Amino acid sequence: MPNIASASKRLRQNEVRNLYNRKIKSFLNTQKKRVIKSIDSNDKAAAMEEYKKYSSALDKAARKSVIHLNRASARKSDIMKKINAMK
């Protein structure tokens, strides 16, 4: 437990931010699973539609510094490679 007031405040802030970040990261994982499911079902149109939602969510998370901008770009690139490799 912190002894200094500013450290106590920082602890409280970190707990709130941790919950917020976890919520967003969980949503990102859900979106990614939807895209992967569409890719596995070989439905390119549905995969592209889900990819747009996933891409938007990644950009929003990067803007809010939940994940790094380069990490968001790398994830979008990885998924797009899988979509483009579909028949």
C-alpha atoms as a PDB file:
ATOM      1  CA  MET A   1       0.000   0.000   0.000  1.00  0.00           C
ATOM      2  CA  PRO A   2       1.363   3.433  -0.879  1.00  0.00           C
ATOM      3  CA  ASN A   3       2.170   5.858   1.907  1.00  0.00           C
ATOM      4  CA  ILE A   4       2.179   9.009  -0.213  1.00  0.00           C
ATOM      5  CA  ALA A   5      -1.046  10.657  -1.390  1.00  0.00           C
ATOM      6  CA  SER A   6       0.087  11.000  -4.988  1.00  0.00           C
ATOM      7  CA  ALA A   7       1.027   7.320  -5.071  1.00  0.00           C
ATOM      8  CA  SER A   8      -2.432   6.412  -3.771  1.00  0.00           C
ATOM      9  CA  LYS A   9      -4.048   8.499  -6.490  1.00  0.00           C
ATOM     10  CA  ARG A  10      -1.826   6.914  -9.132  1.00  0.00           C
ATOM     11  CA  LEU A  11      -2.892   3.462  -7.889  1.00  0.00           C
ATOM     12  CA  ARG A  12      -6.569   4.398  -8.201  1.00  0.00           C
ATOM     13  CA  GLN A  13      -6.038   5.802 -11.693  1.00  0.00           C
ATOM     14  CA  ASN A  14      -4.162   2.695 -12.797  1.00  0.00           C
ATOM     15  CA  GLU A  15      -6.996   0.431 -11.638  1.00  0.00           C
ATOM     16  CA  VAL A  16      -9.555   2.395 -13.659  1.00  0.00           C
ATOM     17  CA  ARG A  17      -7.345   2.518 -16.749  1.00  0.00           C
ATOM     18  CA  ASN A  18      -6.563  -1.184 -16.433  1.00  0.00           C
ATOM     19  CA  LEU A  19     -10.278  -2.049 -16.572  1.00  0.00           C
ATOM     20  CA  TYR A  20     -10.796   0.282 -19.550  1.00  0.00           C
ATOM     21  CA  ASN A  21      -7.832  -1.142 -21.470  1.00  0.00           C
ATOM     22  CA  ARG A  22      -8.847  -4.730 -20.711  1.00  0.00           C
ATOM     23  CA  LYS A  23     -12.352  -4.055 -22.032  1.00  0.00           C
ATOM     24  CA  ILE A  24     -11.001  -2.668 -25.297  1.00  0.00           C
ATOM     25  CA  LYS A  25      -8.452  -5.475 -25.723  1.00  0.00           C
ATOM     26  CA  SER A  26     -11.156  -8.068 -25.110  1.00  0.00           C
ATOM     27  CA  PHE A  27     -13.296  -6.423 -27.794  1.00  0.00           C
ATOM     28  CA  LEU A  28     -10.334  -6.504 -30.197  1.00  0.00           C
ATOM     29  CA  ASN A  29      -9.880 -10.223 -29.594  1.00  0.00           C
ATOM     30  CA  THR A  30     -13.585 -10.828 -30.249  1.00  0.00           C
ATOM     31  CA  GLN A  31     -13.406  -8.893 -33.516  1.00  0.00           C
ATOM     32  CA  LYS A  32     -10.304 -10.830 -34.550  1.00  0.00           C
ATOM     33  CA  LYS A  33     -12.049 -14.136 -33.883  1.00  0.00           C
ATOM     34  CA  ARG A  34     -14.951 -13.051 -36.084  1.00  0.00           C
ATOM     35  CA  VAL A  35     -12.590 -12.231 -38.945  1.00  0.00           C
ATOM     36  CA  ILE A  36     -10.741 -15.546 -38.566  1.00  0.00           C
ATOM     37  CA  LYS A  37     -14.066 -17.406 -38.499  1.00  0.00           C
ATOM     38  CA  SER A  38     -15.077 -15.728 -41.767  1.00  0.00           C
ATOM     39  CA  ILE A  39     -11.717 -16.596 -43.308  1.00  0.00           C
ATOM     40  CA  ASP A  40     -12.032 -20.222 -42.212  1.00  0.00           C
ATOM     41  CA  SER A  41     -15.479 -20.450 -43.785  1.00  0.00           C
ATOM     42  CA  ASN A  42     -13.961 -19.244 -47.092  1.00  0.00           C
ATOM     43  CA  ASP A  43     -16.403 -16.337 -47.409  1.00  0.00           C
ATOM     44  CA  LYS A  44     -14.314 -13.473 -48.745  1.00  0.00           C
ATOM     45  CA  ALA A  45     -17.130 -10.912 -48.720  1.00  0.00           C
ATOM     46  CA  ALA A  46     -17.959 -11.607 -45.080  1.00  0.00           C
ATOM     47  CA  ALA A  47     -14.259 -11.622 -44.204  1.00  0.00           C
ATOM     48  CA  MET A  48     -13.786  -8.186 -45.760  1.00  0.00           C
ATOM     49  CA  GLU A  49     -16.822  -6.837 -43.911  1.00  0.00           C
ATOM     50  CA  GLU A  50     -15.531  -8.166 -40.580  1.00  0.00           C
ATOM     51  CA  TYR A  51     -12.042  -6.903 -41.423  1.00  0.00           C
ATOM     52  CA  LYS A  52     -13.368  -3.364 -41.829  1.00  0.00           C
ATOM     53  CA  LYS A  53     -14.888  -3.494 -38.342  1.00  0.00           C
ATOM     54  CA  TYR A  54     -11.695  -5.000 -36.893  1.00  0.00           C
ATOM     55  CA  SER A  55      -9.511  -2.432 -38.629  1.00  0.00           C
ATOM     56  CA  SER A  56     -11.635   0.419 -37.311  1.00  0.00           C
ATOM     57  CA  ALA A  57     -11.479  -0.956 -33.772  1.00  0.00           C
ATOM     58  CA  LEU A  58      -7.687  -1.317 -34.003  1.00  0.00           C
ATOM     59  CA  ASP A  59      -7.311   2.264 -35.199  1.00  0.00           C
ATOM     60  CA  LYS A  60      -9.501   3.539 -32.390  1.00  0.00           C
ATOM     61  CA  ALA A  61      -7.504   1.573 -29.783  1.00  0.00           C
ATOM     62  CA  ALA A  62      -4.256   2.939 -31.230  1.00  0.00           C
ATOM     63  CA  ARG A  63      -5.563   6.511 -31.133  1.00  0.00           C
ATOM     64  CA  LYS A  64      -6.426   6.075 -27.468  1.00  0.00           C
ATOM     65  CA  SER A  65      -2.994   4.527 -26.757  1.00  0.00           C
ATOM     66  CA  VAL A  66      -4.429   1.202 -25.639  1.00  0.00           C
ATOM     67  CA  ILE A  67      -2.124  -0.487 -28.148  1.00  0.00           C
ATOM     68  CA  HIS A  68       0.787   0.966 -30.083  1.00  0.00           C
ATOM     69  CA  LEU A  69       0.150   2.374 -33.545  1.00  0.00           C
ATOM     70  CA  ASN A  70       2.692   0.031 -35.146  1.00  0.00           C
ATOM     71  CA  ARG A  71       1.111  -2.956 -33.382  1.00  0.00           C
ATOM     72  CA  ALA A  72      -2.270  -2.033 -34.834  1.00  0.00           C
ATOM     73  CA  SER A  73      -0.750  -1.766 -38.304  1.00  0.00           C
ATOM     74  CA  ALA A  74       0.976  -5.127 -37.943  1.00  0.00           C
ATOM     75  CA  ARG A  75      -2.262  -6.835 -36.895  1.00  0.00           C
ATOM     76  CA  LYS A  76      -4.159  -5.319 -39.813  1.00  0.00           C
ATOM     77  CA  SER A  77      -1.419  -6.452 -42.177  1.00  0.00           C
ATOM     78  CA  ASP A  78      -1.430 -10.013 -40.816  1.00  0.00           C
ATOM     79  CA  ILE A  79      -5.173 -10.369 -41.250  1.00  0.00           C
ATOM     80  CA  MET A  80      -5.133  -8.825 -44.714  1.00  0.00           C
ATOM     81  CA  LYS A  81      -2.477 -11.334 -45.796  1.00  0.00           C
ATOM     82  CA  LYS A  82      -4.791 -14.160 -44.710  1.00  0.00           C
ATOM     83  CA  ILE A  83      -7.720 -12.635 -46.574  1.00  0.00           C
ATOM     84  CA  ASN A  84      -5.678 -12.162 -49.738  1.00  0.00           C
ATOM     85  CA  ALA A  85      -4.456 -15.778 -49.544  1.00  0.00           C
ATOM     86  CA  MET A  86      -8.064 -17.029 -49.734  1.00  0.00           C
ATOM     87  CA  LYS A  87      -9.158 -18.699 -52.970  1.00  0.00           C
END
